[in-house]
């Protein structure tokens, strides 16, 4: 959160939640996130939702200051949306059907010397964070993030790939564009199609469109995919540590996730059985004795730690981080 907005939040608390202080924070927040509403009734509703989220953020951060939480929350661009709206519009991961695991692959990966910590951003395997907007296309961003890393390892060049290409063109493979999709079926399309375009050639539009794939813009391809054993964080660590970024699914249903600002996200009530959002595991490490996963989201840089979140690791598959993990083979 910008320092000015943080200062206003403090003022809001100090003056006892006065309407004038609240108005200042509201106006600053609207400017910061370029919010414009269609009419007065819409603005009144959004303001009420924002106020409720403001109270949640203030209460949580006061508790965090007292040592009750290992992360903070903030008034990001989602703060005028209800939790139900975020889950309906942004969390578009469809639940996968059971797959046969190739255990020989995982035995091989698990036998490798796994580094204590990894951050693939430092090796140039992670493209800049994008904002999927009000389109349930997380599955496209997640799957392409893993493919971008493998293409960088193969070619030496990191080329952002086109989520819009997948949104528009993979419906025949079982995906539903902005209404959601499957990580595995994103790869099925790329394999069947013989490739996927670069983001620069086929830019993201935040909505469904007509399929315009062209081999002229092709910048990525794969021949197969590997799905890791369900709920196995040790194998996920081995693969992230040795192979590169891995597409993963998480439970992103809670307001604490929607309004996550920074720190180690450790919420025991984040049920690993309720996965609904696709993200990208780009590394892992340990901070002050606490293990974490480093995860890239597709909700823009105003969310979390410049678009990333650190989720508690080795906490019984918290938020389902290892419930469905996939990486592509070139």
Protein backbone atom coordinates (compact mmCIF):
# COMPACT_ATOMS: atom_id res chain seq x y z
CA UNK A 1 0.00 0.00 0.00
CA UNK A 2 1.34 3.48 -0.85
CA UNK A 3 2.65 5.46 2.11
CA UNK A 4 0.00 8.17 1.70
CA UNK A 5 -2.80 5.65 1.79
CA UNK A 6 -1.18 3.98 4.79
CA UNK A 7 -0.99 7.36 6.51
CA UNK A 8 -4.67 7.95 5.84
CA UNK A 9 -5.50 4.53 7.24
CA UNK A 10 -3.65 5.44 10.41
CA UNK A 11 -5.51 8.75 10.59
CA UNK A 12 -8.76 6.87 10.09
CA UNK A 13 -8.02 4.76 13.15
CA UNK A 14 -6.76 7.64 15.29
CA UNK A 15 -9.77 9.89 14.74
CA UNK A 16 -12.17 7.10 15.62
CA UNK A 17 -13.30 6.18 12.12
CA UNK A 18 -14.66 9.67 11.35
CA UNK A 19 -16.49 10.09 8.06
CA UNK A 20 -14.08 12.77 6.83
CA UNK A 21 -11.04 10.54 7.31
CA UNK A 22 -12.92 7.65 5.72
CA UNK A 23 -13.83 9.85 2.75
CA UNK A 24 -10.19 10.81 2.25
CA UNK A 25 -9.07 7.19 2.23
CA UNK A 26 -11.90 6.29 -0.15
CA UNK A 27 -11.06 9.09 -2.61
CA UNK A 28 -7.33 8.30 -2.47
CA UNK A 29 -8.05 4.60 -3.03
CA UNK A 30 -10.30 5.32 -6.05
CA UNK A 31 -7.61 7.48 -7.63
CA UNK A 32 -4.87 4.96 -6.91
CA UNK A 33 -6.81 2.12 -8.54
CA UNK A 34 -8.55 4.21 -11.24
CA UNK A 35 -12.03 3.29 -10.09
CA UNK A 36 -14.99 4.76 -11.99
CA UNK A 37 -18.56 3.59 -11.38
CA UNK A 38 -21.48 3.60 -13.80
CA UNK A 39 -23.97 5.36 -11.54
CA UNK A 40 -24.63 6.59 -8.02
CA UNK A 41 -26.27 3.39 -6.79
CA UNK A 42 -23.31 1.35 -7.98
CA UNK A 43 -20.93 3.70 -6.19
CA UNK A 44 -22.95 3.53 -2.97
CA UNK A 45 -22.89 -0.25 -3.07
CA UNK A 46 -19.15 -0.39 -3.80
CA UNK A 47 -18.44 2.09 -1.03
CA UNK A 48 -20.35 -0.09 1.44
CA UNK A 49 -18.42 -3.20 0.38
CA UNK A 50 -15.16 -1.24 0.59
CA UNK A 51 -16.01 -0.02 4.11
CA UNK A 52 -16.62 -3.58 5.26
CA UNK A 53 -13.34 -4.73 3.77
CA UNK A 54 -11.62 -1.72 5.36
CA UNK A 55 -12.79 -2.89 8.79
CA UNK A 56 -11.54 -6.42 8.05
CA UNK A 57 -8.12 -5.09 7.01
CA UNK A 58 -7.81 -2.80 10.05
CA UNK A 59 -8.83 -5.52 12.49
CA UNK A 60 -6.48 -8.08 10.95
CA UNK A 61 -3.50 -5.72 10.83
CA UNK A 62 -4.00 -4.67 14.44
CA UNK A 63 -3.92 -8.35 15.37
CA UNK A 64 -0.86 -8.85 13.18
CA UNK A 65 0.89 -6.03 15.05
CA UNK A 66 0.13 -7.92 18.25
CA UNK A 67 1.77 -11.03 16.82
CA UNK A 68 -1.40 -12.99 16.06
CA UNK A 69 -0.77 -13.23 12.29
CA UNK A 70 2.32 -13.68 10.13
CA UNK A 71 0.99 -11.57 7.25
CA UNK A 72 -0.78 -8.27 6.63
CA UNK A 73 -3.78 -7.31 4.52
CA UNK A 74 -4.36 -4.20 2.44
CA UNK A 75 -6.87 -2.21 0.41
CA UNK A 76 -5.91 -3.40 -3.06
CA UNK A 77 -7.95 -3.07 -6.26
CA UNK A 78 -10.28 -5.89 -5.14
CA UNK A 79 -11.38 -4.04 -2.00
CA UNK A 80 -14.70 -2.92 -3.50
CA UNK A 81 -15.69 -6.50 -4.40
CA UNK A 82 -17.37 -9.04 -2.14
CA UNK A 83 -15.65 -12.34 -1.54
CA UNK A 84 -18.35 -14.05 -3.57
CA UNK A 85 -17.69 -11.76 -6.54
CA UNK A 86 -13.95 -12.39 -6.48
CA UNK A 87 -14.48 -16.14 -6.35
CA UNK A 88 -17.03 -16.06 -9.15
CA UNK A 89 -15.19 -13.72 -11.53
CA UNK A 90 -11.49 -14.32 -10.92
CA UNK A 91 -11.13 -17.84 -9.57
CA UNK A 92 -11.86 -19.81 -12.72
CA UNK A 93 -9.99 -23.04 -12.14
CA UNK A 94 -12.03 -26.13 -13.03
CA UNK A 95 -11.43 -29.29 -11.00
CA UNK A 96 -9.46 -31.89 -12.89
CA UNK A 97 -10.43 -35.49 -13.48
CA UNK A 98 -8.20 -38.18 -11.94
CA UNK A 99 -5.03 -38.91 -13.88
CA UNK A 100 -2.62 -41.83 -13.91
CA UNK A 101 0.66 -40.64 -12.40
CA UNK A 102 4.00 -41.50 -13.95
CA UNK A 103 5.76 -42.47 -10.76
CA UNK A 104 9.13 -43.14 -12.41
CA UNK A 105 9.37 -39.45 -13.27
CA UNK A 106 8.70 -38.40 -9.69
CA UNK A 107 11.12 -40.92 -8.21
CA UNK A 108 13.78 -39.48 -10.47
CA UNK A 109 12.91 -35.91 -9.46
CA UNK A 110 12.76 -36.74 -5.77
CA UNK A 111 16.20 -38.37 -5.91
CA UNK A 112 17.81 -35.17 -7.13
CA UNK A 113 19.68 -32.97 -4.68
CA UNK A 114 17.03 -30.40 -3.81
CA UNK A 115 18.27 -26.89 -2.98
CA UNK A 116 17.35 -25.40 0.39
CA UNK A 117 15.77 -22.43 -1.36
CA UNK A 118 14.92 -21.44 -4.92
CA UNK A 119 13.68 -18.24 -6.57
CA UNK A 120 13.41 -18.71 -10.33
CA UNK A 121 12.86 -14.97 -10.79
CA UNK A 122 16.60 -14.54 -10.17
CA UNK A 123 17.37 -16.89 -13.07
CA UNK A 124 15.06 -15.07 -15.46
CA UNK A 125 12.51 -17.88 -15.75
CA UNK A 126 9.54 -15.78 -14.57
CA UNK A 127 7.78 -13.20 -16.75
CA UNK A 128 6.31 -9.94 -15.36
CA UNK A 129 3.09 -10.18 -13.33
CA UNK A 130 -0.08 -9.47 -15.30
CA UNK A 131 -3.63 -8.70 -14.17
CA UNK A 132 -6.28 -11.10 -15.46
CA UNK A 133 -9.02 -8.57 -14.64
CA UNK A 134 -12.62 -9.72 -14.19
CA UNK A 135 -12.01 -12.80 -16.33
CA UNK A 136 -11.66 -16.29 -14.89
CA UNK A 137 -8.52 -16.97 -16.90
CA UNK A 138 -6.17 -17.90 -14.05
CA UNK A 139 -5.75 -21.37 -15.58
CA UNK A 140 -4.25 -19.81 -18.73
CA UNK A 141 -1.76 -17.64 -16.83
CA UNK A 142 -0.72 -20.50 -14.57
CA UNK A 143 -0.13 -23.06 -17.33
CA UNK A 144 1.76 -20.58 -19.52
CA UNK A 145 3.91 -19.45 -16.61
CA UNK A 146 5.30 -22.96 -16.26
CA UNK A 147 5.80 -23.23 -20.02
CA UNK A 148 7.60 -19.88 -20.17
CA UNK A 149 10.15 -21.20 -17.68
CA UNK A 150 10.81 -24.35 -19.71
CA UNK A 151 11.10 -22.37 -22.95
CA UNK A 152 13.63 -20.04 -21.27
CA UNK A 153 15.71 -23.04 -20.19
CA UNK A 154 15.56 -24.42 -23.74
CA UNK A 155 16.19 -21.24 -25.73
CA UNK A 156 17.91 -18.91 -23.28
CA UNK A 157 15.25 -16.25 -23.90
CA UNK A 158 12.21 -15.48 -21.72
CA UNK A 159 9.21 -14.71 -23.93
CA UNK A 160 5.85 -13.99 -22.23
CA UNK A 161 3.20 -16.22 -23.81
CA UNK A 162 -0.40 -15.34 -24.67
CA UNK A 163 -3.17 -16.20 -22.17
CA UNK A 164 -5.63 -14.63 -24.63
CA UNK A 165 -4.64 -17.27 -27.18
CA UNK A 166 -5.74 -19.96 -24.71
CA UNK A 167 -8.88 -18.08 -23.65
CA UNK A 168 -10.05 -17.72 -27.25
CA UNK A 169 -8.85 -20.95 -28.84
CA UNK A 170 -8.97 -23.86 -26.37
CA UNK A 171 -12.74 -24.25 -26.00
CA UNK A 172 -12.69 -27.39 -28.16
CA UNK A 173 -10.31 -28.89 -25.62
CA UNK A 174 -12.81 -28.36 -22.78
CA UNK A 175 -11.92 -24.90 -21.50
CA UNK A 176 -14.45 -22.09 -21.11
CA UNK A 177 -12.48 -18.89 -21.63
CA UNK A 178 -13.29 -16.28 -19.01
CA UNK A 179 -15.75 -18.70 -17.42
CA UNK A 180 -12.89 -20.94 -16.34
CA UNK A 181 -10.71 -23.77 -17.51
CA UNK A 182 -8.25 -26.55 -16.75
CA UNK A 183 -4.48 -26.39 -16.52
CA UNK A 184 -4.15 -29.80 -18.20
CA UNK A 185 -6.48 -28.84 -21.06
CA UNK A 186 -4.48 -25.68 -21.66
CA UNK A 187 -1.52 -27.95 -22.41
CA UNK A 188 -3.76 -30.28 -24.43
CA UNK A 189 -4.57 -27.35 -26.72
CA UNK A 190 -0.92 -26.33 -27.11
CA UNK A 191 0.07 -29.91 -27.95
CA UNK A 192 -2.81 -30.34 -30.43
CA UNK A 193 -2.27 -26.90 -31.96
CA UNK A 194 1.47 -27.30 -32.29
CA UNK A 195 2.20 -24.17 -30.28
CA UNK A 196 1.00 -20.98 -28.61
CA UNK A 197 1.57 -17.35 -29.57
CA UNK A 198 3.63 -14.73 -27.78
CA UNK A 199 1.82 -12.18 -25.60
CA UNK A 200 3.25 -9.36 -27.75
CA UNK A 201 1.71 -10.92 -30.88
CA UNK A 202 -1.64 -11.86 -29.28
CA UNK A 203 -2.21 -9.36 -26.41
CA UNK A 204 -4.46 -9.95 -23.43
CA UNK A 205 -7.92 -8.34 -23.60
CA UNK A 206 -9.59 -9.28 -20.27
CA UNK A 207 -12.54 -10.88 -22.12
CA UNK A 208 -13.45 -13.68 -24.50
CA UNK A 209 -12.64 -13.13 -28.16
CA UNK A 210 -12.43 -14.82 -31.53
CA UNK A 211 -9.56 -17.26 -32.00
CA UNK A 212 -6.75 -15.58 -33.96
CA UNK A 213 -3.80 -17.89 -33.44
CA UNK A 214 -1.13 -17.57 -36.09
CA UNK A 215 2.03 -19.61 -36.51
CA UNK A 216 3.74 -16.28 -37.21
CA UNK A 217 3.45 -15.42 -33.53
CA UNK A 218 4.34 -18.86 -32.18
CA UNK A 219 6.71 -18.59 -29.21
CA UNK A 220 6.01 -21.70 -27.15
CA UNK A 221 5.28 -25.39 -27.56
CA UNK A 222 5.18 -28.61 -25.57
CA UNK A 223 4.82 -32.31 -26.27
CA UNK A 224 3.60 -33.65 -22.93
CA UNK A 225 2.72 -32.76 -19.35
CA UNK A 226 3.49 -34.29 -15.98
CA UNK A 227 1.05 -34.21 -13.08
CA UNK A 228 2.61 -34.57 -9.64
CA UNK A 229 1.24 -36.87 -6.89
CA UNK A 230 -1.71 -35.36 -5.07
CA UNK A 231 -0.82 -33.44 -1.92
CA UNK A 232 2.89 -34.33 -1.95
CA UNK A 233 4.79 -31.19 -0.96
CA UNK A 234 8.16 -32.98 -0.89
CA UNK A 235 7.85 -34.02 -4.53
CA UNK A 236 6.61 -30.56 -5.47
CA UNK A 237 9.67 -29.08 -3.79
CA UNK A 238 11.97 -31.47 -5.65
CA UNK A 239 10.40 -30.60 -9.00
CA UNK A 240 10.28 -26.82 -8.41
CA UNK A 241 13.89 -27.00 -7.22
CA UNK A 242 15.17 -28.95 -10.22
CA UNK A 243 12.77 -28.42 -13.14
CA UNK A 244 11.53 -24.83 -12.74
CA UNK A 245 8.23 -23.03 -12.11
CA UNK A 246 5.25 -25.37 -11.72
CA UNK A 247 1.56 -24.64 -12.35
CA UNK A 248 -0.37 -25.25 -9.12
CA UNK A 249 -3.92 -24.94 -7.80
CA UNK A 250 -4.86 -23.31 -4.49
CA UNK A 251 -7.81 -22.42 -2.31
CA UNK A 252 -8.17 -18.67 -2.93
CA UNK A 253 -11.67 -18.37 -1.45
CA UNK A 254 -10.89 -16.46 1.74
CA UNK A 255 -11.00 -12.64 2.09
CA UNK A 256 -7.55 -12.86 3.70
CA UNK A 257 -6.24 -14.16 0.36
CA UNK A 258 -8.15 -11.60 -1.71
CA UNK A 259 -6.76 -8.72 0.37
CA UNK A 260 -3.34 -10.24 1.12
CA UNK A 261 -0.67 -7.56 1.35
CA UNK A 262 2.54 -9.28 2.47
CA UNK A 263 4.22 -11.74 4.80
CA UNK A 264 3.85 -15.47 5.28
CA UNK A 265 0.29 -16.55 4.45
CA UNK A 266 -0.47 -19.12 7.12
CA UNK A 267 -4.22 -19.55 7.65
CA UNK A 268 -5.10 -22.94 9.18
CA UNK A 269 -8.69 -22.65 7.89
CA UNK A 270 -7.48 -22.56 4.26
CA UNK A 271 -8.93 -25.95 3.33
CA UNK A 272 -6.72 -27.92 0.88
CA UNK A 273 -9.81 -29.69 -0.48
CA UNK A 274 -11.39 -26.50 -1.83
CA UNK A 275 -9.04 -25.49 -4.63
CA UNK A 276 -10.49 -22.93 -7.07
CA UNK A 277 -7.60 -20.81 -8.39
CA UNK A 278 -4.56 -21.52 -10.58
CA UNK A 279 -1.23 -19.87 -9.77
CA UNK A 280 2.47 -20.52 -10.36
CA UNK A 281 4.98 -21.90 -7.84
CA UNK A 282 8.21 -20.07 -8.73
CA UNK A 283 10.29 -21.02 -5.71
CA UNK A 284 10.44 -21.78 -2.00
CA UNK A 285 12.49 -20.96 1.07
CA UNK A 286 12.48 -20.41 4.81
CA UNK A 287 11.99 -17.11 6.64
CA UNK A 288 12.70 -16.91 10.38
CA UNK A 289 12.30 -20.65 10.68
CA UNK A 290 9.04 -20.77 8.70
CA UNK A 291 9.03 -22.68 5.40
CA UNK A 292 7.17 -21.05 2.52
CA UNK A 293 6.25 -21.40 -1.14
CA UNK A 294 6.92 -18.41 -3.40
CA UNK A 295 3.88 -18.10 -5.65
CA UNK A 296 3.11 -15.83 -8.60
CA UNK A 297 -0.50 -14.71 -8.97
CA UNK A 298 -2.25 -13.06 -11.94
CA UNK A 299 -4.05 -10.27 -10.06
CA UNK A 300 -1.59 -7.51 -10.92
CA UNK A 301 1.27 -5.95 -8.95
CA UNK A 302 -1.10 -4.01 -6.64
CA UNK A 303 -1.94 -7.34 -5.00
CA UNK A 304 0.35 -8.96 -2.45
CA UNK A 305 4.11 -8.58 -2.63
CA UNK A 306 4.26 -6.97 -6.08
CA UNK A 307 1.93 -9.70 -7.38
CA UNK A 308 3.46 -12.58 -5.39
CA UNK A 309 2.47 -14.39 -2.20
CA UNK A 310 4.43 -16.53 0.24
CA UNK A 311 2.27 -19.46 1.36
CA UNK A 312 3.27 -21.55 4.38
CA UNK A 313 5.06 -24.75 3.28
CA UNK A 314 5.03 -28.15 4.98
CA UNK A 315 1.79 -27.29 6.80
CA UNK A 316 -0.23 -30.30 5.66
CA UNK A 317 -0.66 -29.02 2.11
CA UNK A 318 -2.02 -25.64 3.25
CA UNK A 319 -4.54 -24.15 0.76
CA UNK A 320 -4.05 -27.23 -1.42
CA UNK A 321 -0.75 -25.95 -2.86
CA UNK A 322 0.27 -29.50 -3.82
CA UNK A 323 -3.20 -30.86 -4.60
CA UNK A 324 -2.81 -30.43 -8.35
CA UNK A 325 0.65 -29.49 -9.64
CA UNK A 326 1.61 -29.73 -13.31
CA UNK A 327 4.58 -28.92 -15.53
CA UNK A 328 4.97 -29.24 -19.31
CA UNK A 329 7.59 -31.24 -21.20
CA UNK A 330 9.03 -29.77 -24.38
